[in-house]
C-alpha atoms as a PDB file:
ATOM      1  CA  MET A   1     -17.062  47.886  24.747  1.00  0.00           C
ATOM      2  CA  THR A   2     -18.229  46.267  21.652  1.00  0.00           C
ATOM      3  CA  THR A   3     -21.360  47.220  19.599  1.00  0.00           C
ATOM      4  CA  THR A   4     -22.584  45.701  16.253  1.00  0.00           C
ATOM      5  CA  ALA A   5     -25.904  47.497  15.552  1.00  0.00           C
ATOM      6  CA  THR A   6     -25.731  51.066  14.295  1.00  0.00           C
ATOM      7  CA  GLY A   7     -29.233  52.412  13.625  1.00  0.00           C
ATOM      8  CA  PRO A   8     -31.002  55.064  15.749  1.00  0.00           C
ATOM      9  CA  VAL A   9     -32.887  52.577  17.868  1.00  0.00           C
ATOM     10  CA  ALA A  10     -29.809  50.572  18.541  1.00  0.00           C
ATOM     11  CA  ALA A  11     -27.923  53.781  19.361  1.00  0.00           C
ATOM     12  CA  GLU A  12     -30.634  54.719  21.865  1.00  0.00           C
ATOM     13  CA  ILE A  13     -30.622  51.220  23.464  1.00  0.00           C
ATOM     14  CA  ARG A  14     -26.855  51.518  23.728  1.00  0.00           C
ATOM     15  CA  GLN A  15     -26.925  54.981  25.356  1.00  0.00           C
ATOM     16  CA  ARG A  16     -29.610  54.012  27.847  1.00  0.00           C
ATOM     17  CA  LEU A  17     -27.894  50.845  28.951  1.00  0.00           C
ATOM     18  CA  VAL A  18     -24.534  52.657  29.280  1.00  0.00           C
ATOM     19  CA  SER A  19     -26.210  55.374  31.427  1.00  0.00           C
ATOM     20  CA  ALA A  20     -28.287  52.913  33.548  1.00  0.00           C
ATOM     21  CA  LEU A  21     -25.746  50.056  34.010  1.00  0.00           C
ATOM     22  CA  SER A  22     -22.200  51.318  33.289  1.00  0.00           C
ATOM     23  CA  PRO A  23     -21.379  48.162  31.406  1.00  0.00           C
ATOM     24  CA  THR A  24     -17.918  46.714  31.030  1.00  0.00           C
ATOM     25  CA  GLN A  25     -19.114  44.893  27.873  1.00  0.00           C
ATOM     26  CA  LEU A  26     -22.050  45.722  25.719  1.00  0.00           C
ATOM     27  CA  VAL A  27     -23.187  44.290  22.328  1.00  0.00           C
ATOM     28  CA  VAL A  28     -26.354  45.433  20.734  1.00  0.00           C
ATOM     29  CA  THR A  29     -27.369  43.264  17.745  1.00  0.00           C
ATOM     30  CA  ASP A  30     -30.227  44.186  15.375  1.00  0.00           C
ATOM     31  CA  ASP A  31     -32.067  40.872  14.642  1.00  0.00           C
ATOM     32  CA  SER A  32     -34.899  42.571  12.749  1.00  0.00           C
ATOM     33  CA  ALA A  33     -33.901  41.155   9.282  1.00  0.00           C
ATOM     34  CA  LYS A  34     -34.394  37.611  10.602  1.00  0.00           C
ATOM     35  CA  HIS A  35     -38.053  38.434  11.436  1.00  0.00           C
ATOM     36  CA  ARG A  36     -39.314  39.921   8.104  1.00  0.00           C
ATOM     37  CA  GLY A  37     -42.821  38.643   7.525  1.00  0.00           C
ATOM     38  CA  HIS A  38     -43.297  37.384  11.140  1.00  0.00           C
ATOM     39  CA  ALA A  39     -45.547  38.865  13.788  1.00  0.00           C
ATOM     40  CA  GLY A  40     -44.204  42.077  15.153  1.00  0.00           C
ATOM     41  CA  HIS A  41     -42.014  42.903  12.203  1.00  0.00           C
ATOM     42  CA  ASP A  42     -41.820  46.667  11.625  1.00  0.00           C
ATOM     43  CA  SER A  43     -41.122  47.741   8.032  1.00  0.00           C
ATOM     44  CA  ARG A  44     -39.011  50.640   9.530  1.00  0.00           C
ATOM     45  CA  GLY A  45     -36.599  48.041  10.760  1.00  0.00           C
ATOM     46  CA  GLU A  46     -35.014  47.928  14.232  1.00  0.00           C
ATOM     47  CA  SER A  47     -37.820  46.003  15.916  1.00  0.00           C
ATOM     48  CA  HIS A  48     -35.958  42.943  17.214  1.00  0.00           C
ATOM     49  CA  PHE A  49     -32.731  43.064  19.227  1.00  0.00           C
ATOM     50  CA  THR A  50     -30.323  40.965  21.204  1.00  0.00           C
ATOM     51  CA  VAL A  51     -28.292  42.669  23.967  1.00  0.00           C
ATOM     52  CA  GLU A  52     -25.332  41.123  25.679  1.00  0.00           C
ATOM     53  CA  VAL A  53     -24.408  43.239  28.664  1.00  0.00           C
ATOM     54  CA  GLU A  54     -21.843  42.702  31.408  1.00  0.00           C
ATOM     55  CA  SER A  55     -22.171  44.957  34.354  1.00  0.00           C
ATOM     56  CA  ALA A  56     -21.219  45.131  38.066  1.00  0.00           C
ATOM     57  CA  ALA A  57     -24.822  46.146  38.688  1.00  0.00           C
ATOM     58  CA  PHE A  58     -25.716  42.437  38.158  1.00  0.00           C
ATOM     59  CA  VAL A  59     -23.478  41.025  40.972  1.00  0.00           C
ATOM     60  CA  GLY A  60     -25.632  39.011  43.322  1.00  0.00           C
ATOM     61  CA  LEU A  61     -28.729  39.214  41.181  1.00  0.00           C
ATOM     62  CA  ASN A  62     -30.573  36.419  39.643  1.00  0.00           C
ATOM     63  CA  ARG A  63     -31.423  36.202  35.968  1.00  0.00           C
ATOM     64  CA  VAL A  64     -34.871  37.737  36.312  1.00  0.00           C
ATOM     65  CA  ALA A  65     -33.711  40.636  38.372  1.00  0.00           C
ATOM     66  CA  ARG A  66     -30.977  41.359  35.846  1.00  0.00           C
ATOM     67  CA  GLN A  67     -33.492  41.344  33.081  1.00  0.00           C
ATOM     68  CA  ARG A  68     -35.703  43.634  34.906  1.00  0.00           C
ATOM     69  CA  LEU A  69     -32.944  46.183  35.189  1.00  0.00           C
ATOM     70  CA  VAL A  70     -32.409  46.054  31.435  1.00  0.00           C
ATOM     71  CA  ASN A  71     -36.173  46.238  30.808  1.00  0.00           C
ATOM     72  CA  ARG A  72     -36.488  49.198  33.096  1.00  0.00           C
ATOM     73  CA  ALA A  73     -33.795  51.152  31.254  1.00  0.00           C
ATOM     74  CA  LEU A  74     -35.580  50.455  27.888  1.00  0.00           C
ATOM     75  CA  ALA A  75     -39.253  50.531  29.129  1.00  0.00           C
ATOM     76  CA  ASP A  76     -40.647  53.103  26.786  1.00  0.00           C
ATOM     77  CA  LEU A  77     -38.752  51.733  23.787  1.00  0.00           C
ATOM     78  CA  LEU A  78     -40.082  48.244  24.545  1.00  0.00           C
ATOM     79  CA  ALA A  79     -43.729  49.661  24.809  1.00  0.00           C
ATOM     80  CA  GLU A  80     -43.513  51.735  21.643  1.00  0.00           C
ATOM     81  CA  ARG A  81     -40.755  50.710  19.238  1.00  0.00           C
ATOM     82  CA  VAL A  82     -39.070  47.400  20.016  1.00  0.00           C
ATOM     83  CA  HIS A  83     -41.048  44.231  19.527  1.00  0.00           C
ATOM     84  CA  ALA A  84     -38.623  41.648  20.873  1.00  0.00           C
ATOM     85  CA  LEU A  85     -35.509  41.838  23.043  1.00  0.00           C
ATOM     86  CA  ALA A  86     -33.249  38.884  23.905  1.00  0.00           C
ATOM     87  CA  ILE A  87     -31.109  39.623  26.915  1.00  0.00           C
ATOM     88  CA  ARG A  88     -27.865  38.000  28.041  1.00  0.00           C
ATOM     89  CA  ALA A  89     -26.920  39.779  31.308  1.00  0.00           C
ATOM     90  CA  THR A  90     -23.807  38.791  33.165  1.00  0.00           C
ATOM     91  CA  ALA A  91     -21.636  40.109  36.018  1.00  0.00           C
ATOM     92  CA  PRO A  92     -17.884  40.622  35.459  1.00  0.00           C
ATOM     93  CA  GLY A  93     -16.031  37.267  35.551  1.00  0.00           C
ATOM     94  CA  GLU A  94     -19.148  35.091  34.713  1.00  0.00           C
ATOM     95  CA  GLU A  95     -19.358  33.136  31.598  1.00  0.00           C
END
């Protein structure tokens, strides 16, 4: 499992996705610095993320259903702390 972001919000995202989805691959990237001065930027940082997650939980699900699983695992963070989340959700063996 690979992870690039290291702050407390990134760590919480990582922990929740591991718990909810048992991923075989997980990359959490903090994109916040790219959004300084834009709507939704939080001066505390850690407001914009990309997650790349591969999990057997996604087998047979379409893109929307996969994103809903990720969003459900992170619901309160998305409501209170994370302004934007880009999701790439794949099942094992998919590109």
